[in-house]
Amino acid sequence: MRSIDIENKVLQILEMVQRHAPIEDDRIELKATWPADYMKVARQLAGHANAARGDNILWLIGVDEKTGVVGADFNELSNWLSSVCSHFDDALAPTLNSLNVPFSGKTVVALFFETDRAPYVVKLEGGGSTTREVTWREGNSTRSACRSDLIRLLVPIQRLPFLEFLSGNLSITQEHSPTDGSDLYNFWLRCDLYITPADSGLFVIPFHRCSAEVRIGDEHDFLRLNRFRLYVPSHIVSHPFHSVSDSLTLENTTNELIVSAPGMMHLSAESLKSPIRPTLEVDAVKVKVQMLSDPNSEFPISLSWTFRRNPNPDKNSLVEWTLKA
């Protein structure tokens, strides 16, 4: 990956951290300072690289997900890296491309690791009978790899595309039941996204493997939205029933989105005729979207945003929350 592409990705992550949006990509690790326990770091890095199964991983030094961007000294990288790599068997560690990224008056050190030479093996200390370990990352923890993990290393992972959020809104409308006149509520989620495939060739996202959920205010449970759909922008030409796609790189059917190259797409999801009155007086709603292109994929496309209340909602809506990039 080019340095400019790495920097662009880092800046988007830092903007999410600044907005206190969670980073739910398993291929990204945030660290506030240079970790000094080199053996522990080697196990973490090896486990992260092995679990990525050939996909790239990104570590950002100088970033705390809770407190934000705190900055780091790039000059510490050389000594730190040599100390960490000394704990790898045959000194074979993930290939590193490092980059200084300025942001809001501070500097973040981006460590972009290529993991295509997995498995990565760590040398153990202590003089026991076991001197080598293949580690594996699971969630936020690192453990020894088991047989099933090693088998998964033999299967190439599908590299996921990058999704850039452009804008979105969640609105609620009200209607009355035709049978008893009771109140019913409709939830409408609409987002604009820009998708960039990681590899060349077609990339397909089936709608039945996608989900969208919203949580309003302090409610504990997320509401699952239905009728999830990704579609390409279009415009009407010459006749009210004749529309033309605005994209040369994306195509959608009623069941899936087909991506051949970068392009813009719309996302929609709905929950209609709910008899439960939602909380309408809150300032923020949490929106979560997950898209799984492969039923066996371990890294779904996970997105999370916080929409803020719009003081001037559409006249047909009871309330509306919006967000723009």
C-alpha atoms as a PDB file:
ATOM      1  CA  MET A   1       0.000   0.000   0.000  1.00  0.00           C
ATOM      2  CA  ARG A   2       1.256   3.482  -0.842  1.00  0.00           C
ATOM      3  CA  SER A   3       2.244   5.845   1.970  1.00  0.00           C
ATOM      4  CA  ILE A   4      -0.474   8.292   0.920  1.00  0.00           C
ATOM      5  CA  ASP A   5      -3.083   5.518   1.209  1.00  0.00           C
ATOM      6  CA  ILE A   6      -1.837   4.587   4.673  1.00  0.00           C
ATOM      7  CA  GLU A   7      -1.928   8.219   5.788  1.00  0.00           C
ATOM      8  CA  ASN A   8      -5.446   8.668   4.431  1.00  0.00           C
ATOM      9  CA  LYS A   9      -6.640   5.602   6.329  1.00  0.00           C
ATOM     10  CA  VAL A  10      -4.923   6.780   9.526  1.00  0.00           C
ATOM     11  CA  LEU A  11      -6.514  10.227   9.286  1.00  0.00           C
ATOM     12  CA  GLN A  12      -9.964   8.691   8.925  1.00  0.00           C
ATOM     13  CA  ILE A  13      -9.344   6.541  12.017  1.00  0.00           C
ATOM     14  CA  LEU A  14      -8.120   9.553  14.001  1.00  0.00           C
ATOM     15  CA  GLU A  15     -11.216  11.522  13.044  1.00  0.00           C
ATOM     16  CA  MET A  16     -13.355   8.653  14.323  1.00  0.00           C
ATOM     17  CA  VAL A  17     -11.388   8.619  17.600  1.00  0.00           C
ATOM     18  CA  GLN A  18     -11.868  12.377  17.896  1.00  0.00           C
ATOM     19  CA  ARG A  19     -15.644  11.879  17.515  1.00  0.00           C
ATOM     20  CA  HIS A  20     -15.486   9.121  20.168  1.00  0.00           C
ATOM     21  CA  ALA A  21     -16.714   6.604  17.608  1.00  0.00           C
ATOM     22  CA  PRO A  22     -15.557   3.050  18.431  1.00  0.00           C
ATOM     23  CA  ILE A  23     -12.935   1.421  16.211  1.00  0.00           C
ATOM     24  CA  GLU A  24     -14.402  -1.999  15.522  1.00  0.00           C
ATOM     25  CA  ASP A  25     -11.904  -3.196  12.933  1.00  0.00           C
ATOM     26  CA  ASP A  26      -9.974  -6.215  14.264  1.00  0.00           C
ATOM     27  CA  ARG A  27      -7.025  -5.306  12.051  1.00  0.00           C
ATOM     28  CA  ILE A  28      -6.362  -2.027  13.903  1.00  0.00           C
ATOM     29  CA  GLU A  29      -4.585  -1.638  17.238  1.00  0.00           C
ATOM     30  CA  LEU A  30      -4.383   1.656  19.174  1.00  0.00           C
ATOM     31  CA  LYS A  31      -1.677   2.287  21.769  1.00  0.00           C
ATOM     32  CA  ALA A  32      -1.228   5.496  23.740  1.00  0.00           C
ATOM     33  CA  THR A  33       2.543   4.988  24.264  1.00  0.00           C
ATOM     34  CA  TRP A  34       5.335   2.726  23.060  1.00  0.00           C
ATOM     35  CA  PRO A  35       4.771  -0.516  25.041  1.00  0.00           C
ATOM     36  CA  ALA A  36       7.965  -1.449  26.895  1.00  0.00           C
ATOM     37  CA  ASP A  37       7.391  -5.146  27.651  1.00  0.00           C
ATOM     38  CA  TYR A  38       9.017  -6.357  24.426  1.00  0.00           C
ATOM     39  CA  MET A  39       8.271 -10.040  24.938  1.00  0.00           C
ATOM     40  CA  LYS A  40       4.600  -9.293  25.535  1.00  0.00           C
ATOM     41  CA  VAL A  41       4.497  -7.002  22.512  1.00  0.00           C
ATOM     42  CA  ALA A  42       6.110  -9.688  20.332  1.00  0.00           C
ATOM     43  CA  ARG A  43       3.410 -12.188  21.371  1.00  0.00           C
ATOM     44  CA  GLN A  44       0.686  -9.607  20.647  1.00  0.00           C
ATOM     45  CA  LEU A  45       2.135  -8.663  17.273  1.00  0.00           C
ATOM     46  CA  ALA A  46       2.668 -12.287  16.217  1.00  0.00           C
ATOM     47  CA  GLY A  47      -0.866 -13.224  17.316  1.00  0.00           C
ATOM     48  CA  HIS A  48      -2.383 -10.229  15.526  1.00  0.00           C
ATOM     49  CA  ALA A  49      -0.428 -11.013  12.341  1.00  0.00           C
ATOM     50  CA  ASN A  50      -1.266 -14.724  12.417  1.00  0.00           C
ATOM     51  CA  ALA A  51      -4.984 -14.094  12.963  1.00  0.00           C
ATOM     52  CA  ALA A  52      -4.991 -11.619  10.048  1.00  0.00           C
ATOM     53  CA  ARG A  53      -4.175 -14.571   7.760  1.00  0.00           C
ATOM     54  CA  GLY A  54      -2.237 -12.581   5.214  1.00  0.00           C
ATOM     55  CA  ASP A  55      -4.211  -9.358   5.471  1.00  0.00           C
ATOM     56  CA  ASN A  56      -2.424  -6.173   6.542  1.00  0.00           C
ATOM     57  CA  ILE A  57      -2.667  -4.857  10.090  1.00  0.00           C
ATOM     58  CA  LEU A  58      -2.203  -1.317  11.406  1.00  0.00           C
ATOM     59  CA  TRP A  59      -0.867  -0.224  14.788  1.00  0.00           C
ATOM     60  CA  LEU A  60      -1.154   3.445  15.786  1.00  0.00           C
ATOM     61  CA  ILE A  61       1.178   4.687  18.523  1.00  0.00           C
ATOM     62  CA  GLY A  62       0.078   7.859  20.290  1.00  0.00           C
ATOM     63  CA  VAL A  63      -3.670   7.215  20.208  1.00  0.00           C
ATOM     64  CA  ASP A  64      -5.948   6.336  23.094  1.00  0.00           C
ATOM     65  CA  GLU A  65      -9.518   5.378  22.195  1.00  0.00           C
ATOM     66  CA  LYS A  66     -10.863   7.084  25.344  1.00  0.00           C
ATOM     67  CA  THR A  67      -8.721  10.211  25.654  1.00  0.00           C
ATOM     68  CA  GLY A  68      -7.999  10.699  21.942  1.00  0.00           C
ATOM     69  CA  VAL A  69      -4.773  11.593  20.123  1.00  0.00           C
ATOM     70  CA  VAL A  70      -1.906  12.079  22.592  1.00  0.00           C
ATOM     71  CA  GLY A  71       1.060  11.867  20.191  1.00  0.00           C
ATOM     72  CA  ALA A  72       4.267   9.806  20.137  1.00  0.00           C
ATOM     73  CA  ASP A  73       7.976  10.240  19.348  1.00  0.00           C
ATOM     74  CA  PHE A  74       8.936   8.691  16.005  1.00  0.00           C
ATOM     75  CA  ASN A  75      12.598   8.520  17.083  1.00  0.00           C
ATOM     76  CA  GLU A  76      11.802   5.695  19.506  1.00  0.00           C
ATOM     77  CA  LEU A  77      10.777   3.355  16.682  1.00  0.00           C
ATOM     78  CA  SER A  78      14.212   1.975  15.768  1.00  0.00           C
ATOM     79  CA  ASN A  79      15.185   0.738  19.243  1.00  0.00           C
ATOM     80  CA  TRP A  80      11.643  -0.409  19.992  1.00  0.00           C
ATOM     81  CA  LEU A  81      11.323  -2.420  16.791  1.00  0.00           C
ATOM     82  CA  SER A  82      14.701  -4.156  17.132  1.00  0.00           C
ATOM     83  CA  SER A  83      13.862  -5.133  20.721  1.00  0.00           C
ATOM     84  CA  VAL A  84      10.499  -6.564  19.670  1.00  0.00           C
ATOM     85  CA  CYS A  85      11.859  -8.420  16.615  1.00  0.00           C
ATOM     86  CA  SER A  86      14.578 -10.058  18.723  1.00  0.00           C
ATOM     87  CA  HIS A  87      11.846 -12.228  20.269  1.00  0.00           C
ATOM     88  CA  PHE A  88      10.716 -13.645  16.908  1.00  0.00           C
ATOM     89  CA  ASP A  89      12.049 -17.005  15.756  1.00  0.00           C
ATOM     90  CA  ASP A  90      14.719 -16.499  13.066  1.00  0.00           C
ATOM     91  CA  ALA A  91      14.049 -12.755  13.511  1.00  0.00           C
ATOM     92  CA  LEU A  92      11.152 -13.198  11.067  1.00  0.00           C
ATOM     93  CA  ALA A  93       8.610 -10.549  12.078  1.00  0.00           C
ATOM     94  CA  PRO A  94       5.846  -8.947   9.973  1.00  0.00           C
ATOM     95  CA  THR A  95       7.249  -6.550   7.366  1.00  0.00           C
ATOM     96  CA  LEU A  96       6.874  -2.954   8.534  1.00  0.00           C
ATOM     97  CA  ASN A  97       6.121   0.266   6.702  1.00  0.00           C
ATOM     98  CA  SER A  98       6.190   3.153   9.201  1.00  0.00           C
ATOM     99  CA  LEU A  99       4.866   6.659   8.822  1.00  0.00           C
ATOM    100  CA  ASN A 100       4.644   9.885  10.815  1.00  0.00           C
ATOM    101  CA  VAL A 101       1.127  11.337  10.634  1.00  0.00           C
ATOM    102  CA  PRO A 102       0.518  14.881  11.980  1.00  0.00           C
ATOM    103  CA  PHE A 103      -2.950  15.463  13.436  1.00  0.00           C
ATOM    104  CA  SER A 104      -4.300  18.391  15.497  1.00  0.00           C
ATOM    105  CA  GLY A 105      -0.849  19.593  16.508  1.00  0.00           C
ATOM    106  CA  LYS A 106       0.400  16.135  17.525  1.00  0.00           C
ATOM    107  CA  THR A 107       2.167  13.315  15.704  1.00  0.00           C
ATOM    108  CA  VAL A 108       0.938   9.743  15.518  1.00  0.00           C
ATOM    109  CA  VAL A 109       3.288   6.941  14.465  1.00  0.00           C
ATOM    110  CA  ALA A 110       1.588   4.530  12.075  1.00  0.00           C
ATOM    111  CA  LEU A 111       3.000   0.993  11.902  1.00  0.00           C
ATOM    112  CA  PHE A 112       1.626  -0.771   8.844  1.00  0.00           C
ATOM    113  CA  PHE A 113       2.511  -4.477   8.961  1.00  0.00           C
ATOM    114  CA  GLU A 114       2.331  -6.925   6.065  1.00  0.00           C
ATOM    115  CA  THR A 115       1.547 -10.428   7.316  1.00  0.00           C
ATOM    116  CA  ASP A 116       1.925 -12.535   4.175  1.00  0.00           C
ATOM    117  CA  ARG A 117       4.771 -14.618   5.667  1.00  0.00           C
ATOM    118  CA  ALA A 118       2.710 -16.121   8.491  1.00  0.00           C
ATOM    119  CA  PRO A 119       2.960 -18.143  10.652  1.00  0.00           C
ATOM    120  CA  TYR A 120       5.028 -15.973  12.957  1.00  0.00           C
ATOM    121  CA  VAL A 121       6.728 -17.791  15.832  1.00  0.00           C
ATOM    122  CA  VAL A 122       7.852 -16.241  19.112  1.00  0.00           C
ATOM    123  CA  LYS A 123      10.808 -17.417  21.189  1.00  0.00           C
ATOM    124  CA  LEU A 124       9.852 -18.040  24.806  1.00  0.00           C
ATOM    125  CA  GLU A 125      11.885 -16.997  27.814  1.00  0.00           C
ATOM    126  CA  GLY A 126      12.355 -18.861  31.083  1.00  0.00           C
ATOM    127  CA  GLY A 127      14.351 -21.939  30.113  1.00  0.00           C
ATOM    128  CA  GLY A 128      11.425 -24.368  30.061  1.00  0.00           C
ATOM    129  CA  SER A 129      11.035 -27.349  27.757  1.00  0.00           C
ATOM    130  CA  THR A 130       8.869 -25.320  25.361  1.00  0.00           C
ATOM    131  CA  THR A 131      11.007 -22.741  23.574  1.00  0.00           C
ATOM    132  CA  ARG A 132       8.754 -21.594  20.715  1.00  0.00           C
ATOM    133  CA  GLU A 133       5.108 -20.494  20.461  1.00  0.00           C
ATOM    134  CA  VAL A 134       2.696 -19.660  17.664  1.00  0.00           C
ATOM    135  CA  THR A 135       0.331 -17.073  19.108  1.00  0.00           C
ATOM    136  CA  TRP A 136      -3.170 -16.081  18.021  1.00  0.00           C
ATOM    137  CA  ARG A 137      -5.234 -12.975  18.654  1.00  0.00           C
ATOM    138  CA  GLU A 138      -8.814 -13.469  19.795  1.00  0.00           C
ATOM    139  CA  GLY A 139     -10.764 -10.323  20.608  1.00  0.00           C
ATOM    140  CA  ASN A 140      -8.421  -8.171  22.691  1.00  0.00           C
ATOM    141  CA  SER A 141      -6.419 -11.096  24.096  1.00  0.00           C
ATOM    142  CA  THR A 142      -3.490 -13.182  22.849  1.00  0.00           C
ATOM    143  CA  ARG A 143      -3.288 -16.958  23.330  1.00  0.00           C
ATOM    144  CA  SER A 144      -1.423 -19.936  21.964  1.00  0.00           C
ATOM    145  CA  ALA A 145      -2.688 -21.068  18.569  1.00  0.00           C
ATOM    146  CA  CYS A 146      -4.530 -24.377  18.413  1.00  0.00           C
ATOM    147  CA  ARG A 147      -4.747 -26.830  15.533  1.00  0.00           C
ATOM    148  CA  SER A 148      -7.866 -25.205  14.022  1.00  0.00           C
ATOM    149  CA  ASP A 149      -6.105 -21.812  14.007  1.00  0.00           C
ATOM    150  CA  LEU A 150      -3.154 -23.269  12.128  1.00  0.00           C
ATOM    151  CA  ILE A 151      -5.484 -24.841   9.585  1.00  0.00           C
ATOM    152  CA  ARG A 152      -7.151 -21.460   9.006  1.00  0.00           C
ATOM    153  CA  LEU A 153      -3.732 -20.009   8.207  1.00  0.00           C
ATOM    154  CA  LEU A 154      -3.706 -22.217   5.114  1.00  0.00           C
ATOM    155  CA  VAL A 155      -6.920 -20.632   3.781  1.00  0.00           C
ATOM    156  CA  PRO A 156      -6.447 -17.184   2.196  1.00  0.00           C
ATOM    157  CA  ILE A 157      -8.683 -14.533   3.719  1.00  0.00           C
ATOM    158  CA  GLN A 158     -10.761 -12.231   1.583  1.00  0.00           C
ATOM    159  CA  ARG A 159      -9.492  -8.683   1.985  1.00  0.00           C
ATOM    160  CA  LEU A 160     -12.340  -6.372   2.862  1.00  0.00           C
ATOM    161  CA  PRO A 161     -13.032  -3.054   1.147  1.00  0.00           C
ATOM    162  CA  PHE A 162     -12.737   0.308   2.840  1.00  0.00           C
ATOM    163  CA  LEU A 163     -15.985   2.181   3.471  1.00  0.00           C
ATOM    164  CA  GLU A 164     -16.035   5.959   3.853  1.00  0.00           C
ATOM    165  CA  PHE A 165     -19.073   7.490   5.557  1.00  0.00           C
ATOM    166  CA  LEU A 166     -20.375  10.622   3.794  1.00  0.00           C
ATOM    167  CA  SER A 167     -23.718  11.407   5.442  1.00  0.00           C
ATOM    168  CA  GLY A 168     -26.714   9.770   7.044  1.00  0.00           C
ATOM    169  CA  ASN A 169     -29.978  10.287   8.885  1.00  0.00           C
ATOM    170  CA  LEU A 170     -32.400   8.325  11.022  1.00  0.00           C
ATOM    171  CA  SER A 171     -35.991   9.534  11.095  1.00  0.00           C
ATOM    172  CA  ILE A 172     -39.160   8.342  12.789  1.00  0.00           C
ATOM    173  CA  THR A 173     -42.657   8.792  11.373  1.00  0.00           C
ATOM    174  CA  GLN A 174     -46.012   7.981  12.912  1.00  0.00           C
ATOM    175  CA  GLU A 175     -49.197   6.450  11.547  1.00  0.00           C
ATOM    176  CA  HIS A 176     -52.354   4.923  12.978  1.00  0.00           C
ATOM    177  CA  SER A 177     -53.428   1.316  12.884  1.00  0.00           C
ATOM    178  CA  PRO A 178     -56.336   0.802  10.429  1.00  0.00           C
ATOM    179  CA  THR A 179     -57.888  -1.719  12.829  1.00  0.00           C
ATOM    180  CA  ASP A 180     -57.937  -0.023  16.229  1.00  0.00           C
ATOM    181  CA  GLY A 181     -56.447   3.428  15.557  1.00  0.00           C
ATOM    182  CA  SER A 182     -53.447   2.860  17.837  1.00  0.00           C
ATOM    183  CA  ASP A 183     -50.153   4.640  17.164  1.00  0.00           C
ATOM    184  CA  LEU A 184     -47.539   2.894  15.011  1.00  0.00           C
ATOM    185  CA  TYR A 185     -43.963   4.074  14.441  1.00  0.00           C
ATOM    186  CA  ASN A 186     -41.710   3.732  11.413  1.00  0.00           C
ATOM    187  CA  PHE A 187     -37.893   3.936  11.549  1.00  0.00           C
ATOM    188  CA  TRP A 188     -36.055   5.026   8.398  1.00  0.00           C
ATOM    189  CA  LEU A 189     -32.263   4.821   8.103  1.00  0.00           C
ATOM    190  CA  ARG A 190     -30.534   6.371   5.077  1.00  0.00           C
ATOM    191  CA  CYS A 191     -26.755   6.711   4.550  1.00  0.00           C
ATOM    192  CA  ASP A 192     -24.375   7.669   1.756  1.00  0.00           C
ATOM    193  CA  LEU A 193     -21.131   5.668   1.632  1.00  0.00           C
ATOM    194  CA  TYR A 194     -18.119   5.481  -0.657  1.00  0.00           C
ATOM    195  CA  ILE A 195     -16.661   2.002  -1.105  1.00  0.00           C
ATOM    196  CA  THR A 196     -13.094   1.202  -2.180  1.00  0.00           C
ATOM    197  CA  PRO A 197     -12.273  -2.488  -2.797  1.00  0.00           C
ATOM    198  CA  ALA A 198      -8.995  -3.762  -1.364  1.00  0.00           C
ATOM    199  CA  ASP A 199      -8.316  -6.007  -4.362  1.00  0.00           C
ATOM    200  CA  SER A 200      -9.084  -5.996  -8.054  1.00  0.00           C
ATOM    201  CA  GLY A 201     -11.983  -8.044  -9.351  1.00  0.00           C
ATOM    202  CA  LEU A 202     -15.652  -8.201  -8.437  1.00  0.00           C
ATOM    203  CA  PHE A 203     -16.727  -7.906  -4.809  1.00  0.00           C
ATOM    204  CA  VAL A 204     -20.281  -8.921  -3.877  1.00  0.00           C
ATOM    205  CA  ILE A 205     -22.240  -7.966  -0.722  1.00  0.00           C
ATOM    206  CA  PRO A 206     -25.422 -10.071  -0.335  1.00  0.00           C
ATOM    207  CA  PHE A 207     -28.143  -8.212   1.550  1.00  0.00           C
ATOM    208  CA  HIS A 208     -29.228 -11.257   3.556  1.00  0.00           C
ATOM    209  CA  ARG A 209     -25.806 -11.223   5.248  1.00  0.00           C
ATOM    210  CA  CYS A 210     -26.137  -7.574   6.300  1.00  0.00           C
ATOM    211  CA  SER A 211     -27.727  -5.982   9.351  1.00  0.00           C
ATOM    212  CA  ALA A 212     -28.484  -2.530  10.734  1.00  0.00           C
ATOM    213  CA  GLU A 213     -29.369  -1.661  14.326  1.00  0.00           C
ATOM    214  CA  VAL A 214     -30.125   1.551  16.209  1.00  0.00           C
ATOM    215  CA  ARG A 215     -30.091   2.434  19.887  1.00  0.00           C
ATOM    216  CA  ILE A 216     -31.879   5.601  20.945  1.00  0.00           C
ATOM    217  CA  GLY A 217     -30.542   7.441  23.969  1.00  0.00           C
ATOM    218  CA  ASP A 218     -29.848   5.257  27.003  1.00  0.00           C
ATOM    219  CA  GLU A 219     -31.948   2.319  25.866  1.00  0.00           C
ATOM    220  CA  HIS A 220     -30.123  -0.933  26.602  1.00  0.00           C
ATOM    221  CA  ASP A 221     -31.205  -2.881  23.540  1.00  0.00           C
ATOM    222  CA  PHE A 222     -30.566  -2.190  19.890  1.00  0.00           C
ATOM    223  CA  LEU A 223     -33.558  -2.199  17.551  1.00  0.00           C
ATOM    224  CA  ARG A 224     -32.952  -4.393  14.530  1.00  0.00           C
ATOM    225  CA  LEU A 225     -33.976  -2.753  11.250  1.00  0.00           C
ATOM    226  CA  ASN A 226     -35.316  -4.782   8.342  1.00  0.00           C
ATOM    227  CA  ARG A 227     -35.343  -4.450   4.556  1.00  0.00           C
ATOM    228  CA  PHE A 228     -31.595  -3.760   4.412  1.00  0.00           C
ATOM    229  CA  ARG A 229     -30.537  -2.600   0.947  1.00  0.00           C
ATOM    230  CA  LEU A 230     -27.494  -1.137  -0.814  1.00  0.00           C
ATOM    231  CA  TYR A 231     -28.142   0.583  -4.112  1.00  0.00           C
ATOM    232  CA  VAL A 232     -26.489   2.803  -6.684  1.00  0.00           C
ATOM    233  CA  PRO A 233     -27.517   6.457  -7.161  1.00  0.00           C
ATOM    234  CA  SER A 234     -29.546   7.072 -10.322  1.00  0.00           C
ATOM    235  CA  HIS A 235     -31.388   9.865 -12.065  1.00  0.00           C
ATOM    236  CA  ILE A 236     -34.491  10.110 -14.230  1.00  0.00           C
ATOM    237  CA  VAL A 237     -34.034  10.803 -17.937  1.00  0.00           C
ATOM    238  CA  SER A 238     -36.619  11.619 -20.640  1.00  0.00           C
ATOM    239  CA  HIS A 239     -39.391   9.625 -19.032  1.00  0.00           C
ATOM    240  CA  PRO A 240     -40.633   9.258 -15.425  1.00  0.00           C
ATOM    241  CA  PHE A 241     -40.117   5.504 -15.570  1.00  0.00           C
ATOM    242  CA  HIS A 242     -36.676   5.504 -17.127  1.00  0.00           C
ATOM    243  CA  SER A 243     -33.727   5.928 -14.744  1.00  0.00           C
ATOM    244  CA  VAL A 244     -30.008   5.770 -15.443  1.00  0.00           C
ATOM    245  CA  SER A 245     -27.345   4.679 -12.942  1.00  0.00           C
ATOM    246  CA  ASP A 246     -24.886   7.346 -11.826  1.00  0.00           C
ATOM    247  CA  SER A 247     -22.121   4.780 -11.369  1.00  0.00           C
ATOM    248  CA  LEU A 248     -19.881   2.942 -13.816  1.00  0.00           C
ATOM    249  CA  THR A 249     -18.322   0.782 -11.117  1.00  0.00           C
ATOM    250  CA  LEU A 250     -21.226  -0.406  -8.934  1.00  0.00           C
ATOM    251  CA  GLU A 251     -24.367  -2.344  -9.761  1.00  0.00           C
ATOM    252  CA  ASN A 252     -27.177  -3.568  -7.565  1.00  0.00           C
ATOM    253  CA  THR A 253     -29.926  -6.136  -7.865  1.00  0.00           C
ATOM    254  CA  THR A 254     -32.762  -6.751  -5.422  1.00  0.00           C
ATOM    255  CA  ASN A 255     -30.489  -9.180  -3.562  1.00  0.00           C
ATOM    256  CA  GLU A 256     -26.921  -7.878  -3.657  1.00  0.00           C
ATOM    257  CA  LEU A 257     -24.477  -5.091  -4.468  1.00  0.00           C
ATOM    258  CA  ILE A 258     -21.762  -5.843  -7.031  1.00  0.00           C
ATOM    259  CA  VAL A 259     -18.585  -3.751  -6.790  1.00  0.00           C
ATOM    260  CA  SER A 260     -15.938  -3.739  -9.514  1.00  0.00           C
ATOM    261  CA  ALA A 261     -14.064  -0.528  -8.530  1.00  0.00           C
ATOM    262  CA  PRO A 262     -14.470   2.427  -6.112  1.00  0.00           C
ATOM    263  CA  GLY A 263     -17.846   4.143  -6.154  1.00  0.00           C
ATOM    264  CA  MET A 264     -20.641   5.784  -4.184  1.00  0.00           C
ATOM    265  CA  MET A 265     -23.627   3.848  -2.847  1.00  0.00           C
ATOM    266  CA  HIS A 266     -26.743   4.422  -0.773  1.00  0.00           C
ATOM    267  CA  LEU A 267     -27.709   2.352   2.274  1.00  0.00           C
ATOM    268  CA  SER A 268     -31.271   2.006   3.492  1.00  0.00           C
ATOM    269  CA  ALA A 269     -32.910   0.010   6.279  1.00  0.00           C
ATOM    270  CA  GLU A 270     -36.327   0.245   7.873  1.00  0.00           C
ATOM    271  CA  SER A 271     -38.482  -0.987  10.704  1.00  0.00           C
ATOM    272  CA  LEU A 272     -42.168  -0.346  10.011  1.00  0.00           C
ATOM    273  CA  LYS A 273     -45.358  -0.282  12.051  1.00  0.00           C
ATOM    274  CA  SER A 274     -43.807  -0.792  15.485  1.00  0.00           C
ATOM    275  CA  PRO A 275     -46.429  -0.503  18.253  1.00  0.00           C
ATOM    276  CA  ILE A 276     -43.796   0.535  20.822  1.00  0.00           C
ATOM    277  CA  ARG A 277     -43.341   4.281  21.180  1.00  0.00           C
ATOM    278  CA  PRO A 278     -39.627   5.146  20.989  1.00  0.00           C
ATOM    279  CA  THR A 279     -37.952   7.803  23.076  1.00  0.00           C
ATOM    280  CA  LEU A 280     -38.103  10.939  20.959  1.00  0.00           C
ATOM    281  CA  GLU A 281     -36.539  13.545  23.232  1.00  0.00           C
ATOM    282  CA  VAL A 282     -32.914  12.374  23.172  1.00  0.00           C
ATOM    283  CA  ASP A 283     -29.958  14.157  21.588  1.00  0.00           C
ATOM    284  CA  ALA A 284     -28.108  11.172  20.127  1.00  0.00           C
ATOM    285  CA  VAL A 285     -28.713   7.753  18.606  1.00  0.00           C
ATOM    286  CA  LYS A 286     -26.189   4.993  17.998  1.00  0.00           C
ATOM    287  CA  VAL A 287     -26.249   3.285  14.577  1.00  0.00           C
ATOM    288  CA  LYS A 288     -24.466  -0.018  13.907  1.00  0.00           C
ATOM    289  CA  VAL A 289     -24.144  -1.636  10.484  1.00  0.00           C
ATOM    290  CA  GLN A 290     -22.519  -4.968   9.657  1.00  0.00           C
ATOM    291  CA  MET A 291     -21.931  -6.413   6.205  1.00  0.00           C
ATOM    292  CA  LEU A 292     -20.617  -9.933   5.612  1.00  0.00           C
ATOM    293  CA  SER A 293     -19.551 -10.737   2.078  1.00  0.00           C
ATOM    294  CA  ASP A 294     -18.420 -14.280   2.848  1.00  0.00           C
ATOM    295  CA  PRO A 295     -20.335 -16.551   5.274  1.00  0.00           C
ATOM    296  CA  ASN A 296     -16.974 -17.852   6.549  1.00  0.00           C
ATOM    297  CA  SER A 297     -15.392 -14.415   6.901  1.00  0.00           C
ATOM    298  CA  GLU A 298     -13.897 -13.636  10.304  1.00  0.00           C
ATOM    299  CA  PHE A 299     -13.637  -9.922   9.597  1.00  0.00           C
ATOM    300  CA  PRO A 300     -17.055  -8.538   8.678  1.00  0.00           C
ATOM    301  CA  ILE A 301     -17.350  -4.946   7.573  1.00  0.00           C
ATOM    302  CA  SER A 302     -18.429  -3.287  10.834  1.00  0.00           C
ATOM    303  CA  LEU A 303     -19.454   0.359  11.024  1.00  0.00           C
ATOM    304  CA  SER A 304     -20.663   2.442  13.940  1.00  0.00           C
ATOM    305  CA  TRP A 305     -21.822   6.057  14.088  1.00  0.00           C
ATOM    306  CA  THR A 306     -23.487   8.468  16.499  1.00  0.00           C
ATOM    307  CA  PHE A 307     -26.183  10.626  14.910  1.00  0.00           C
ATOM    308  CA  ARG A 308     -27.197  13.935  16.512  1.00  0.00           C
ATOM    309  CA  ARG A 309     -30.673  15.425  16.752  1.00  0.00           C
ATOM    310  CA  ASN A 310     -31.690  17.670  13.870  1.00  0.00           C
ATOM    311  CA  PRO A 311     -33.557  20.728  15.188  1.00  0.00           C
ATOM    312  CA  ASN A 312     -35.291  21.139  11.812  1.00  0.00           C
ATOM    313  CA  PRO A 313     -36.524  17.674  10.786  1.00  0.00           C
ATOM    314  CA  ASP A 314     -38.500  16.892   7.678  1.00  0.00           C
ATOM    315  CA  LYS A 315     -42.130  17.988   8.059  1.00  0.00           C
ATOM    316  CA  ASN A 316     -43.335  14.383   7.795  1.00  0.00           C
ATOM    317  CA  SER A 317     -41.045  13.167  10.615  1.00  0.00           C
ATOM    318  CA  LEU A 318     -41.633  13.233  14.345  1.00  0.00           C
ATOM    319  CA  VAL A 319     -37.886  13.445  14.944  1.00  0.00           C
ATOM    320  CA  GLU A 320     -34.679  13.131  12.949  1.00  0.00           C
ATOM    321  CA  TRP A 321     -31.027  12.526  13.811  1.00  0.00           C
ATOM    322  CA  THR A 322     -28.268  13.246  11.282  1.00  0.00           C
ATOM    323  CA  LEU A 323     -24.510  13.046  10.776  1.00  0.00           C
ATOM    324  CA  LYS A 324     -22.212  14.384   8.065  1.00  0.00           C
ATOM    325  CA  ALA A 325     -18.561  13.492   7.557  1.00  0.00           C
END
